[in-house]
């Protein structure tokens, strides 16, 4: 497993739009049931007293939720390709087909994605960690140089070798907190049989058989 820098999409460390919410009080119900049955394996009661929501602490807590890793890409009006690594991608609707992802408001790529007509979301495969790192870095001058690409009919680049690719129309946007939510209307998809790359607790990892 390799460490990864903060991904640009979502609040990083695990918090993204569409993720599962933090545990709710109902989560304590199994504990109570275990106590009632006299089980010796009952987990220790959780401490619900913490209200410290400092970004560093919140990032660590939300990082416990594993996600896939994707590269979102578009092409600007001047022909310039823009792409970045995200873990904020989530499904939203089947009818109509829609997905969403989020981008922090101070991202230098915000205008490119806010104003584009189409973007692609390439779900990376296990073994594409280097690409994820490359597109997560702001120090790489041309992230697409040497990157295997597919050109979709809408004229937007997609990452070759991805587990799945979604071509989306930039449908609508909404500001939420310190992020911009981008809603994509899915126009076409492609997929291959491969193992997806996984991001968990600040590291790349892989799915393992149960």
N, C-alpha and C. Protein backbone atom coordinates (compact mmCIF):
# COMPACT_ATOMS: atom_id res chain seq x y z
N UNK A 1 0.84 -1.18 0.00
CA UNK A 1 0.00 0.00 0.00
C UNK A 1 0.87 1.23 0.00
N UNK A 2 0.41 2.28 -0.67
CA UNK A 2 1.17 3.50 -0.74
C UNK A 2 0.35 4.63 -0.14
N UNK A 3 1.07 5.54 0.48
CA UNK A 3 0.37 6.71 0.99
C UNK A 3 0.00 7.60 -0.17
N UNK A 4 -1.02 8.41 0.01
CA UNK A 4 -1.45 9.34 -1.03
C UNK A 4 -1.68 10.69 -0.39
N UNK A 5 -1.37 11.73 -1.15
CA UNK A 5 -1.66 13.06 -0.67
C UNK A 5 -3.17 13.28 -0.71
N UNK A 6 -3.58 14.36 -0.12
CA UNK A 6 -5.00 14.68 -0.10
C UNK A 6 -5.54 14.75 -1.52
N UNK A 7 -6.63 14.07 -1.76
CA UNK A 7 -7.26 14.11 -3.06
C UNK A 7 -8.02 15.41 -3.19
N UNK A 8 -8.08 15.94 -4.42
CA UNK A 8 -8.65 17.27 -4.60
C UNK A 8 -10.15 17.28 -4.52
N UNK A 9 -10.81 16.23 -4.92
CA UNK A 9 -12.26 16.21 -4.85
C UNK A 9 -12.71 15.80 -3.47
N UNK A 10 -13.72 16.46 -2.92
CA UNK A 10 -14.21 16.12 -1.59
C UNK A 10 -13.32 16.72 -0.54
N UNK A 11 -13.70 16.54 0.69
CA UNK A 11 -12.94 17.11 1.79
C UNK A 11 -11.74 16.25 2.14
N UNK A 12 -11.52 15.15 1.40
CA UNK A 12 -10.36 14.31 1.62
C UNK A 12 -10.52 13.47 2.86
N UNK A 13 -9.61 12.51 2.98
CA UNK A 13 -9.61 11.68 4.16
C UNK A 13 -10.89 10.91 4.36
N UNK A 14 -11.79 10.96 3.43
CA UNK A 14 -12.99 10.16 3.55
C UNK A 14 -14.27 10.93 3.39
N UNK A 15 -14.30 12.25 3.56
CA UNK A 15 -15.57 12.95 3.49
C UNK A 15 -15.85 13.39 2.06
N UNK A 16 -16.90 12.88 1.51
CA UNK A 16 -17.31 13.29 0.19
C UNK A 16 -18.82 13.33 0.13
N UNK A 17 -19.33 14.03 -0.86
CA UNK A 17 -20.77 14.04 -1.05
C UNK A 17 -21.25 12.65 -1.36
N UNK A 18 -22.41 12.31 -0.88
CA UNK A 18 -23.00 11.02 -1.16
C UNK A 18 -22.48 9.90 -0.30
N UNK A 19 -21.58 10.20 0.60
CA UNK A 19 -21.08 9.16 1.48
C UNK A 19 -22.10 8.82 2.56
N UNK A 20 -21.85 7.68 3.20
CA UNK A 20 -22.69 7.29 4.33
C UNK A 20 -22.50 8.30 5.46
N UNK A 21 -23.55 8.64 6.17
CA UNK A 21 -23.42 9.61 7.26
C UNK A 21 -22.67 9.02 8.44
N UNK A 22 -22.29 9.89 9.33
CA UNK A 22 -21.67 9.44 10.56
C UNK A 22 -22.66 8.59 11.33
N UNK A 23 -22.16 7.72 12.21
CA UNK A 23 -23.06 6.86 12.98
C UNK A 23 -24.10 7.68 13.74
N UNK A 24 -25.31 7.21 13.72
CA UNK A 24 -26.41 7.85 14.42
C UNK A 24 -26.70 7.10 15.72
N UNK A 25 -27.44 7.73 16.62
CA UNK A 25 -27.72 7.09 17.90
C UNK A 25 -28.32 5.71 17.79
N UNK A 26 -29.08 5.44 16.68
CA UNK A 26 -29.68 4.12 16.54
C UNK A 26 -28.63 3.03 16.47
N UNK A 27 -27.37 3.42 16.11
CA UNK A 27 -26.32 2.42 16.01
C UNK A 27 -26.05 1.76 17.35
N UNK A 28 -26.54 2.36 18.43
CA UNK A 28 -26.31 1.78 19.74
C UNK A 28 -27.25 0.64 20.04
N UNK A 29 -28.29 0.47 19.20
CA UNK A 29 -29.30 -0.56 19.46
C UNK A 29 -28.69 -1.95 19.55
N UNK A 30 -27.78 -2.35 18.60
CA UNK A 30 -27.18 -3.69 18.73
C UNK A 30 -26.43 -3.86 20.04
N UNK A 31 -25.83 -2.81 20.54
CA UNK A 31 -25.12 -2.92 21.80
C UNK A 31 -26.09 -3.28 22.91
N UNK A 32 -27.24 -2.58 22.92
CA UNK A 32 -28.22 -2.82 23.95
C UNK A 32 -28.75 -4.24 23.86
N UNK A 33 -28.96 -4.72 22.63
CA UNK A 33 -29.45 -6.08 22.44
C UNK A 33 -28.45 -7.09 22.97
N UNK A 34 -27.15 -6.83 22.72
CA UNK A 34 -26.13 -7.74 23.19
C UNK A 34 -26.08 -7.77 24.71
N UNK A 35 -26.24 -6.59 25.31
CA UNK A 35 -26.21 -6.55 26.77
C UNK A 35 -27.40 -7.30 27.34
N UNK A 36 -28.58 -7.14 26.67
CA UNK A 36 -29.78 -7.82 27.16
C UNK A 36 -29.62 -9.32 27.09
N UNK A 37 -28.86 -9.81 26.09
CA UNK A 37 -28.69 -11.26 25.94
C UNK A 37 -27.56 -11.79 26.80
N UNK A 38 -26.84 -10.89 27.44
CA UNK A 38 -25.76 -11.35 28.31
C UNK A 38 -24.54 -11.78 27.57
N UNK A 39 -24.39 -11.36 26.28
CA UNK A 39 -23.24 -11.77 25.50
C UNK A 39 -21.95 -11.20 26.06
N UNK A 40 -20.89 -12.03 26.09
CA UNK A 40 -19.58 -11.57 26.54
C UNK A 40 -18.84 -10.84 25.44
N UNK A 41 -19.37 -10.88 24.20
CA UNK A 41 -18.69 -10.26 23.08
C UNK A 41 -19.24 -8.87 22.74
N UNK A 42 -20.04 -8.31 23.63
CA UNK A 42 -20.62 -7.00 23.36
C UNK A 42 -19.52 -5.96 23.25
N UNK A 43 -19.56 -5.13 22.20
CA UNK A 43 -18.53 -4.09 22.05
C UNK A 43 -18.65 -3.05 23.15
N UNK A 44 -17.54 -2.39 23.39
CA UNK A 44 -17.54 -1.33 24.39
C UNK A 44 -18.45 -0.21 23.93
N UNK A 45 -19.19 0.40 24.86
CA UNK A 45 -20.07 1.50 24.47
C UNK A 45 -19.28 2.66 23.88
N UNK A 46 -19.88 3.28 22.86
CA UNK A 46 -19.22 4.41 22.20
C UNK A 46 -19.40 5.68 23.03
N UNK A 47 -18.42 6.54 22.90
CA UNK A 47 -18.48 7.83 23.56
C UNK A 47 -19.08 8.84 22.61
N UNK A 48 -20.32 9.26 22.89
CA UNK A 48 -21.00 10.22 22.01
C UNK A 48 -20.80 11.65 22.48
N UNK A 49 -19.86 11.86 23.38
CA UNK A 49 -19.70 13.19 23.94
C UNK A 49 -18.80 14.10 23.13
N UNK A 50 -18.07 13.56 22.12
CA UNK A 50 -17.11 14.39 21.40
C UNK A 50 -17.82 15.31 20.42
N UNK A 51 -17.58 16.59 20.55
CA UNK A 51 -18.10 17.57 19.59
C UNK A 51 -16.95 18.32 18.94
N UNK A 52 -15.75 17.76 19.06
CA UNK A 52 -14.59 18.39 18.43
C UNK A 52 -14.59 18.07 16.94
N UNK A 53 -15.01 19.02 16.13
CA UNK A 53 -15.12 18.80 14.68
C UNK A 53 -14.04 19.57 13.94
N UNK A 54 -12.87 19.67 14.56
CA UNK A 54 -11.73 20.28 13.86
C UNK A 54 -11.51 19.52 12.55
N UNK A 55 -11.21 20.23 11.45
CA UNK A 55 -11.05 19.55 10.16
C UNK A 55 -10.11 18.35 10.20
N UNK A 56 -9.01 18.44 10.95
CA UNK A 56 -8.08 17.31 11.00
C UNK A 56 -8.74 16.09 11.64
N UNK A 57 -9.49 16.33 12.72
CA UNK A 57 -10.16 15.21 13.39
C UNK A 57 -11.28 14.66 12.51
N UNK A 58 -12.05 15.56 11.92
CA UNK A 58 -13.16 15.12 11.07
C UNK A 58 -12.65 14.34 9.86
N UNK A 59 -11.52 14.79 9.30
CA UNK A 59 -10.94 14.09 8.15
C UNK A 59 -10.54 12.67 8.55
N UNK A 60 -9.98 12.52 9.73
CA UNK A 60 -9.58 11.19 10.18
C UNK A 60 -10.77 10.27 10.39
N UNK A 61 -11.85 10.81 10.97
CA UNK A 61 -13.04 9.99 11.22
C UNK A 61 -13.67 9.57 9.89
N UNK A 62 -13.83 10.53 8.99
CA UNK A 62 -14.47 10.23 7.71
C UNK A 62 -13.60 9.34 6.83
N UNK A 63 -12.29 9.35 7.08
CA UNK A 63 -11.39 8.50 6.32
C UNK A 63 -11.58 7.02 6.60
N UNK A 64 -12.38 6.69 7.62
CA UNK A 64 -12.63 5.28 7.92
C UNK A 64 -13.57 4.66 6.89
N UNK A 65 -14.19 5.52 6.06
CA UNK A 65 -15.10 5.00 5.03
C UNK A 65 -14.32 4.80 3.73
N UNK A 66 -14.14 3.56 3.27
CA UNK A 66 -13.36 3.33 2.05
C UNK A 66 -14.11 3.79 0.80
N UNK A 67 -13.36 4.26 -0.17
CA UNK A 67 -13.95 4.71 -1.44
C UNK A 67 -13.16 4.16 -2.61
N UNK A 68 -13.72 4.30 -3.79
CA UNK A 68 -12.96 4.08 -4.99
C UNK A 68 -12.12 5.33 -5.28
N UNK A 69 -11.35 5.26 -6.34
CA UNK A 69 -10.51 6.40 -6.76
C UNK A 69 -10.81 6.65 -8.23
N UNK A 70 -11.02 7.91 -8.58
CA UNK A 70 -11.37 8.24 -9.96
C UNK A 70 -10.59 9.48 -10.41
N UNK A 71 -10.47 9.61 -11.71
CA UNK A 71 -9.93 10.84 -12.30
C UNK A 71 -11.05 11.47 -13.11
N UNK A 72 -11.34 12.72 -12.79
CA UNK A 72 -12.33 13.47 -13.55
C UNK A 72 -11.57 14.38 -14.51
N UNK A 73 -12.05 14.45 -15.74
CA UNK A 73 -11.31 15.20 -16.76
C UNK A 73 -12.28 15.94 -17.67
N UNK A 74 -11.80 17.05 -18.20
CA UNK A 74 -12.58 17.81 -19.17
C UNK A 74 -11.63 18.50 -20.13
N UNK A 75 -12.20 19.18 -21.12
CA UNK A 75 -11.42 19.97 -22.06
C UNK A 75 -12.01 21.37 -22.11
N UNK A 76 -11.16 22.37 -21.91
CA UNK A 76 -11.61 23.76 -21.90
C UNK A 76 -11.88 24.25 -23.33
N UNK A 77 -12.49 25.40 -23.43
CA UNK A 77 -12.81 25.97 -24.73
C UNK A 77 -11.57 26.19 -25.58
N UNK A 78 -10.43 26.46 -24.92
CA UNK A 78 -9.18 26.69 -25.67
C UNK A 78 -8.45 25.39 -25.99
N UNK A 79 -9.06 24.25 -25.71
CA UNK A 79 -8.47 22.97 -26.02
C UNK A 79 -7.63 22.37 -24.91
N UNK A 80 -7.40 23.11 -23.85
CA UNK A 80 -6.57 22.63 -22.74
C UNK A 80 -7.29 21.53 -21.98
N UNK A 81 -6.56 20.43 -21.72
CA UNK A 81 -7.13 19.33 -20.93
C UNK A 81 -6.88 19.59 -19.45
N UNK A 82 -7.91 19.32 -18.63
CA UNK A 82 -7.80 19.49 -17.19
C UNK A 82 -8.28 18.20 -16.52
N UNK A 83 -7.52 17.73 -15.55
CA UNK A 83 -7.92 16.51 -14.85
C UNK A 83 -7.40 16.50 -13.44
N UNK A 84 -8.08 15.79 -12.57
CA UNK A 84 -7.63 15.67 -11.18
C UNK A 84 -8.20 14.40 -10.56
N UNK A 85 -7.52 13.95 -9.53
CA UNK A 85 -7.93 12.75 -8.82
C UNK A 85 -8.97 13.09 -7.76
N UNK A 86 -10.02 12.31 -7.69
CA UNK A 86 -11.07 12.54 -6.69
C UNK A 86 -11.44 11.23 -6.02
N UNK A 87 -11.99 11.35 -4.82
CA UNK A 87 -12.67 10.21 -4.20
C UNK A 87 -14.06 10.63 -3.74
N UNK A 88 -14.55 11.72 -4.33
CA UNK A 88 -15.86 12.24 -3.95
C UNK A 88 -16.95 11.82 -4.93
N UNK A 89 -16.63 10.93 -5.84
CA UNK A 89 -17.60 10.47 -6.82
C UNK A 89 -18.66 9.59 -6.17
N UNK A 90 -19.92 9.82 -6.52
CA UNK A 90 -21.01 9.00 -5.98
C UNK A 90 -22.14 8.90 -6.99
N UNK A 91 -22.85 7.79 -6.96
CA UNK A 91 -24.04 7.65 -7.78
C UNK A 91 -25.16 8.48 -7.15
N UNK A 92 -26.08 8.94 -7.98
CA UNK A 92 -27.16 9.79 -7.48
C UNK A 92 -28.54 9.32 -7.92
N UNK A 93 -28.70 9.06 -9.21
CA UNK A 93 -30.03 8.74 -9.75
C UNK A 93 -29.88 7.79 -10.94
N UNK A 94 -30.85 6.86 -11.05
CA UNK A 94 -30.87 5.97 -12.21
C UNK A 94 -31.80 6.48 -13.30
N UNK A 95 -32.83 7.21 -12.95
CA UNK A 95 -33.78 7.73 -13.92
C UNK A 95 -34.20 9.15 -13.55
N UNK A 96 -33.56 10.18 -14.11
CA UNK A 96 -32.52 10.08 -15.14
C UNK A 96 -31.19 9.64 -14.54
N UNK A 97 -30.29 9.13 -15.39
CA UNK A 97 -28.99 8.68 -14.86
C UNK A 97 -28.13 9.87 -14.48
N UNK A 98 -27.80 9.97 -13.21
CA UNK A 98 -27.02 11.10 -12.72
C UNK A 98 -26.01 10.65 -11.67
N UNK A 99 -24.89 11.34 -11.64
CA UNK A 99 -23.86 11.13 -10.62
C UNK A 99 -23.47 12.50 -10.09
N UNK A 100 -22.69 12.50 -9.03
CA UNK A 100 -22.21 13.77 -8.50
C UNK A 100 -20.80 13.60 -7.95
N UNK A 101 -20.12 14.71 -7.86
CA UNK A 101 -18.83 14.77 -7.21
C UNK A 101 -18.65 16.19 -6.71
N UNK A 102 -17.61 16.44 -5.94
CA UNK A 102 -17.45 17.76 -5.36
C UNK A 102 -16.01 18.22 -5.48
N UNK A 103 -15.86 19.54 -5.48
CA UNK A 103 -14.54 20.15 -5.62
C UNK A 103 -14.45 21.34 -4.68
N UNK A 104 -13.37 21.42 -3.94
CA UNK A 104 -13.21 22.49 -2.96
C UNK A 104 -13.21 23.85 -3.66
N UNK A 105 -13.78 24.82 -3.01
CA UNK A 105 -14.02 26.12 -3.65
C UNK A 105 -12.76 26.85 -4.07
N UNK A 106 -11.64 26.57 -3.41
CA UNK A 106 -10.41 27.28 -3.75
C UNK A 106 -9.54 26.52 -4.76
N UNK A 107 -10.06 25.46 -5.34
CA UNK A 107 -9.28 24.70 -6.32
C UNK A 107 -8.98 25.55 -7.54
N UNK A 108 -7.74 25.52 -8.04
CA UNK A 108 -7.42 26.24 -9.28
C UNK A 108 -8.15 25.66 -10.50
N UNK A 109 -8.71 24.47 -10.36
CA UNK A 109 -9.44 23.84 -11.47
C UNK A 109 -10.94 24.10 -11.42
N UNK A 110 -11.37 24.88 -10.44
CA UNK A 110 -12.81 25.06 -10.24
C UNK A 110 -13.48 25.65 -11.48
N UNK A 111 -12.91 26.70 -12.04
CA UNK A 111 -13.54 27.37 -13.18
C UNK A 111 -13.65 26.42 -14.38
N UNK A 112 -12.62 25.60 -14.59
CA UNK A 112 -12.63 24.69 -15.73
C UNK A 112 -13.80 23.73 -15.66
N UNK A 113 -14.05 23.16 -14.49
CA UNK A 113 -15.14 22.20 -14.35
C UNK A 113 -16.50 22.89 -14.19
N UNK A 114 -16.51 24.04 -13.59
CA UNK A 114 -17.77 24.77 -13.43
C UNK A 114 -18.33 25.19 -14.78
N UNK A 115 -17.44 25.54 -15.71
CA UNK A 115 -17.88 26.11 -16.98
C UNK A 115 -17.89 25.11 -18.14
N UNK A 116 -17.45 23.89 -17.91
CA UNK A 116 -17.34 22.94 -19.02
C UNK A 116 -18.72 22.41 -19.41
N UNK A 117 -18.80 21.86 -20.62
CA UNK A 117 -20.06 21.26 -21.08
C UNK A 117 -20.11 19.77 -20.73
N UNK A 118 -18.96 19.12 -20.79
CA UNK A 118 -18.90 17.68 -20.51
C UNK A 118 -17.67 17.38 -19.66
N UNK A 119 -17.75 16.30 -18.91
CA UNK A 119 -16.58 15.76 -18.22
C UNK A 119 -16.68 14.25 -18.18
N UNK A 120 -15.54 13.61 -18.01
CA UNK A 120 -15.51 12.16 -17.85
C UNK A 120 -15.09 11.82 -16.43
N UNK A 121 -15.57 10.70 -15.96
CA UNK A 121 -15.13 10.15 -14.67
C UNK A 121 -14.60 8.76 -14.95
N UNK A 122 -13.30 8.58 -14.73
CA UNK A 122 -12.64 7.30 -14.97
C UNK A 122 -12.34 6.65 -13.63
N UNK A 123 -13.00 5.54 -13.34
CA UNK A 123 -12.80 4.81 -12.09
C UNK A 123 -11.54 3.96 -12.25
N UNK A 124 -10.52 4.26 -11.46
CA UNK A 124 -9.21 3.64 -11.65
C UNK A 124 -9.19 2.18 -11.20
N UNK A 125 -8.32 1.43 -11.85
CA UNK A 125 -8.13 0.03 -11.52
C UNK A 125 -6.95 -0.14 -10.57
N UNK A 126 -6.94 -1.24 -9.85
CA UNK A 126 -5.77 -1.57 -9.04
C UNK A 126 -4.56 -1.63 -9.97
N UNK A 127 -3.48 -1.00 -9.59
CA UNK A 127 -2.30 -0.90 -10.43
C UNK A 127 -2.16 0.47 -11.07
N UNK A 128 -3.18 1.32 -10.95
CA UNK A 128 -3.11 2.67 -11.50
C UNK A 128 -2.84 3.71 -10.41
N UNK A 129 -2.17 3.27 -9.33
CA UNK A 129 -1.86 4.19 -8.24
C UNK A 129 -1.01 5.38 -8.71
N UNK A 130 -0.07 5.11 -9.62
CA UNK A 130 0.81 6.19 -10.08
C UNK A 130 0.00 7.27 -10.80
N UNK A 131 -0.99 6.86 -11.57
CA UNK A 131 -1.84 7.85 -12.22
C UNK A 131 -2.64 8.66 -11.20
N UNK A 132 -3.14 7.98 -10.18
CA UNK A 132 -3.87 8.68 -9.12
C UNK A 132 -2.98 9.73 -8.46
N UNK A 133 -1.73 9.36 -8.17
CA UNK A 133 -0.80 10.30 -7.56
C UNK A 133 -0.48 11.45 -8.50
N UNK A 134 -0.30 11.14 -9.76
CA UNK A 134 0.04 12.16 -10.75
C UNK A 134 -1.06 13.21 -10.88
N UNK A 135 -2.30 12.77 -10.94
CA UNK A 135 -3.40 13.71 -11.12
C UNK A 135 -3.82 14.36 -9.80
N UNK A 136 -3.28 13.88 -8.68
CA UNK A 136 -3.56 14.52 -7.39
C UNK A 136 -2.54 15.61 -7.08
N UNK A 137 -1.46 15.67 -7.86
CA UNK A 137 -0.38 16.61 -7.57
C UNK A 137 -0.54 17.90 -8.36
N UNK A 138 -0.41 19.03 -7.68
CA UNK A 138 -0.44 20.32 -8.36
C UNK A 138 0.93 20.69 -8.91
N UNK A 139 1.95 19.88 -8.61
CA UNK A 139 3.32 20.18 -9.06
C UNK A 139 3.62 19.62 -10.44
N UNK A 140 2.72 18.80 -10.97
CA UNK A 140 2.94 18.22 -12.31
C UNK A 140 2.41 19.20 -13.34
N UNK A 141 3.28 19.73 -14.21
CA UNK A 141 2.82 20.77 -15.15
C UNK A 141 1.83 20.27 -16.19
N UNK A 142 2.02 19.07 -16.70
CA UNK A 142 1.10 18.51 -17.68
C UNK A 142 0.78 17.08 -17.26
N UNK A 143 -0.31 16.92 -16.56
CA UNK A 143 -0.68 15.61 -16.03
C UNK A 143 -1.00 14.61 -17.13
N UNK A 144 -1.36 15.11 -18.30
CA UNK A 144 -1.77 14.21 -19.38
C UNK A 144 -0.60 13.73 -20.24
N UNK A 145 0.56 14.35 -20.08
CA UNK A 145 1.72 13.96 -20.88
C UNK A 145 2.11 12.51 -20.57
N UNK A 146 2.09 11.68 -21.60
CA UNK A 146 2.45 10.28 -21.41
C UNK A 146 1.36 9.42 -20.80
N UNK A 147 0.22 10.01 -20.51
CA UNK A 147 -0.89 9.25 -19.91
C UNK A 147 -1.72 8.59 -21.02
N UNK A 148 -1.92 7.29 -20.96
CA UNK A 148 -2.77 6.64 -21.96
C UNK A 148 -4.20 7.17 -21.87
N UNK A 149 -4.72 7.64 -23.00
CA UNK A 149 -6.04 8.28 -23.00
C UNK A 149 -6.94 7.67 -24.05
N UNK A 150 -8.22 7.79 -23.80
CA UNK A 150 -9.24 7.54 -24.81
C UNK A 150 -9.96 8.86 -25.04
N UNK A 151 -10.29 9.15 -26.29
CA UNK A 151 -11.08 10.34 -26.61
C UNK A 151 -12.52 9.92 -26.82
N UNK A 152 -13.42 10.49 -26.07
CA UNK A 152 -14.83 10.13 -26.20
C UNK A 152 -15.48 11.03 -27.25
N UNK A 153 -16.63 10.64 -27.78
CA UNK A 153 -17.27 11.41 -28.86
C UNK A 153 -17.52 12.87 -28.50
N UNK A 154 -17.67 13.18 -27.24
CA UNK A 154 -17.92 14.56 -26.83
C UNK A 154 -16.65 15.39 -26.80
N UNK A 155 -15.50 14.80 -27.20
CA UNK A 155 -14.25 15.54 -27.27
C UNK A 155 -13.56 15.74 -25.94
N UNK A 156 -13.86 14.89 -24.98
CA UNK A 156 -13.29 15.00 -23.64
C UNK A 156 -12.39 13.79 -23.41
N UNK A 157 -11.22 13.97 -22.79
CA UNK A 157 -10.33 12.83 -22.55
C UNK A 157 -10.83 11.93 -21.42
N UNK A 158 -10.51 10.64 -21.54
CA UNK A 158 -10.79 9.67 -20.48
C UNK A 158 -9.54 8.83 -20.29
N UNK A 159 -9.36 8.29 -19.10
CA UNK A 159 -8.17 7.52 -18.76
C UNK A 159 -8.32 6.10 -19.32
N UNK A 160 -7.40 5.69 -20.17
CA UNK A 160 -7.41 4.34 -20.71
C UNK A 160 -7.08 3.33 -19.61
N UNK A 161 -7.72 2.17 -19.68
CA UNK A 161 -7.46 1.13 -18.69
C UNK A 161 -8.27 1.26 -17.43
N UNK A 162 -9.17 2.22 -17.36
CA UNK A 162 -10.00 2.39 -16.17
C UNK A 162 -11.00 1.24 -16.06
N UNK A 163 -11.41 0.95 -14.83
CA UNK A 163 -12.42 -0.08 -14.62
C UNK A 163 -13.75 0.34 -15.26
N UNK A 164 -14.08 1.59 -15.11
CA UNK A 164 -15.33 2.11 -15.67
C UNK A 164 -15.13 3.57 -16.05
N UNK A 165 -15.80 3.97 -17.11
CA UNK A 165 -15.75 5.37 -17.54
C UNK A 165 -17.17 5.86 -17.77
N UNK A 166 -17.47 7.01 -17.21
CA UNK A 166 -18.77 7.64 -17.41
C UNK A 166 -18.55 8.98 -18.11
N UNK A 167 -19.25 9.19 -19.19
CA UNK A 167 -19.21 10.47 -19.90
C UNK A 167 -20.46 11.25 -19.50
N UNK A 168 -20.25 12.44 -18.98
CA UNK A 168 -21.36 13.17 -18.37
C UNK A 168 -21.50 14.56 -18.99
N UNK A 169 -22.75 15.01 -19.10
CA UNK A 169 -23.02 16.42 -19.38
C UNK A 169 -23.01 17.16 -18.05
N UNK A 170 -22.42 18.34 -18.05
CA UNK A 170 -22.36 19.16 -16.83
C UNK A 170 -23.76 19.71 -16.58
N UNK A 171 -24.55 19.03 -15.79
CA UNK A 171 -25.98 19.27 -15.69
C UNK A 171 -26.34 20.44 -14.78
N UNK A 172 -25.80 20.44 -13.56
CA UNK A 172 -26.12 21.49 -12.61
C UNK A 172 -25.08 21.49 -11.50
N UNK A 173 -25.08 22.56 -10.72
CA UNK A 173 -24.10 22.71 -9.64
C UNK A 173 -24.78 23.36 -8.45
N UNK A 174 -24.19 23.14 -7.29
CA UNK A 174 -24.71 23.76 -6.08
C UNK A 174 -23.58 23.88 -5.05
N UNK A 175 -23.45 25.04 -4.47
CA UNK A 175 -22.44 25.22 -3.44
C UNK A 175 -22.94 24.66 -2.12
N UNK A 176 -22.09 23.87 -1.47
CA UNK A 176 -22.43 23.29 -0.16
C UNK A 176 -21.20 23.42 0.73
N UNK A 177 -21.31 24.25 1.74
CA UNK A 177 -20.16 24.46 2.61
C UNK A 177 -19.00 25.04 1.84
N UNK A 178 -17.82 24.41 1.96
CA UNK A 178 -16.64 24.92 1.26
C UNK A 178 -16.38 24.16 -0.04
N UNK A 179 -17.38 23.48 -0.56
CA UNK A 179 -17.24 22.72 -1.80
C UNK A 179 -18.33 23.11 -2.82
N UNK A 180 -18.03 22.84 -4.08
CA UNK A 180 -19.01 22.95 -5.15
C UNK A 180 -19.43 21.54 -5.55
N UNK A 181 -20.72 21.27 -5.44
CA UNK A 181 -21.24 19.98 -5.90
C UNK A 181 -21.51 20.08 -7.40
N UNK A 182 -21.00 19.11 -8.15
CA UNK A 182 -21.21 19.07 -9.59
C UNK A 182 -22.03 17.83 -9.93
N UNK A 183 -23.14 18.06 -10.57
CA UNK A 183 -24.05 16.97 -10.94
C UNK A 183 -23.88 16.67 -12.43
N UNK A 184 -23.59 15.43 -12.73
CA UNK A 184 -23.39 15.03 -14.11
C UNK A 184 -24.52 14.15 -14.60
N UNK A 185 -25.06 14.47 -15.77
CA UNK A 185 -26.06 13.60 -16.41
C UNK A 185 -25.32 12.64 -17.32
N UNK A 186 -25.41 11.35 -17.00
CA UNK A 186 -24.61 10.35 -17.69
C UNK A 186 -25.12 10.16 -19.12
N UNK A 187 -24.20 10.29 -20.08
CA UNK A 187 -24.56 10.15 -21.50
C UNK A 187 -24.18 8.80 -22.06
N UNK A 188 -23.04 8.28 -21.62
CA UNK A 188 -22.56 6.98 -22.10
C UNK A 188 -21.61 6.41 -21.07
N UNK A 189 -21.46 5.09 -21.07
CA UNK A 189 -20.58 4.42 -20.11
C UNK A 189 -19.78 3.34 -20.84
N UNK A 190 -18.67 2.97 -20.21
CA UNK A 190 -17.86 1.84 -20.68
C UNK A 190 -17.24 1.19 -19.46
N UNK A 191 -17.03 -0.10 -19.52
CA UNK A 191 -16.43 -0.78 -18.37
C UNK A 191 -15.68 -2.02 -18.84
N UNK A 192 -14.73 -2.45 -18.03
CA UNK A 192 -13.97 -3.67 -18.28
C UNK A 192 -13.92 -4.47 -16.98
N UNK A 193 -13.65 -5.75 -17.11
CA UNK A 193 -13.53 -6.61 -15.93
C UNK A 193 -12.15 -6.41 -15.33
N UNK A 194 -12.10 -5.75 -14.19
CA UNK A 194 -10.83 -5.49 -13.52
C UNK A 194 -11.11 -5.18 -12.05
N UNK A 195 -10.08 -5.21 -11.24
CA UNK A 195 -10.22 -4.91 -9.82
C UNK A 195 -10.03 -3.42 -9.58
N UNK A 196 -10.97 -2.78 -8.91
CA UNK A 196 -10.85 -1.33 -8.71
C UNK A 196 -9.81 -0.98 -7.65
N UNK A 197 -9.26 0.22 -7.79
CA UNK A 197 -8.38 0.77 -6.78
C UNK A 197 -9.24 1.30 -5.63
N UNK A 198 -8.77 1.14 -4.40
CA UNK A 198 -9.52 1.55 -3.22
C UNK A 198 -8.68 2.51 -2.39
N UNK A 199 -9.34 3.50 -1.80
CA UNK A 199 -8.68 4.47 -0.92
C UNK A 199 -9.32 4.38 0.45
N UNK A 200 -8.47 4.17 1.48
CA UNK A 200 -9.00 4.01 2.83
C UNK A 200 -7.97 4.49 3.84
N UNK A 201 -8.41 5.34 4.76
CA UNK A 201 -7.57 5.83 5.84
C UNK A 201 -6.27 6.45 5.32
N UNK A 202 -6.39 7.20 4.23
CA UNK A 202 -5.23 7.91 3.69
C UNK A 202 -4.28 7.07 2.88
N UNK A 203 -4.68 5.85 2.50
CA UNK A 203 -3.79 4.97 1.75
C UNK A 203 -4.56 4.28 0.61
N UNK A 204 -3.79 3.92 -0.41
CA UNK A 204 -4.35 3.05 -1.42
C UNK A 204 -4.34 1.62 -0.89
N UNK A 205 -5.36 0.89 -1.24
CA UNK A 205 -5.43 -0.50 -0.86
C UNK A 205 -6.22 -1.24 -1.94
N UNK A 206 -6.55 -2.47 -1.70
CA UNK A 206 -7.25 -3.27 -2.70
C UNK A 206 -8.31 -4.10 -2.02
N UNK A 207 -9.28 -4.51 -2.81
CA UNK A 207 -10.31 -5.39 -2.29
C UNK A 207 -9.72 -6.76 -2.01
N UNK A 208 -10.18 -7.37 -0.94
CA UNK A 208 -9.75 -8.73 -0.62
C UNK A 208 -10.98 -9.60 -0.45
N UNK A 209 -10.83 -10.87 -0.76
CA UNK A 209 -11.95 -11.80 -0.64
C UNK A 209 -12.34 -11.95 0.83
N UNK A 210 -13.67 -12.04 1.07
CA UNK A 210 -14.16 -12.19 2.44
C UNK A 210 -13.79 -13.57 2.96
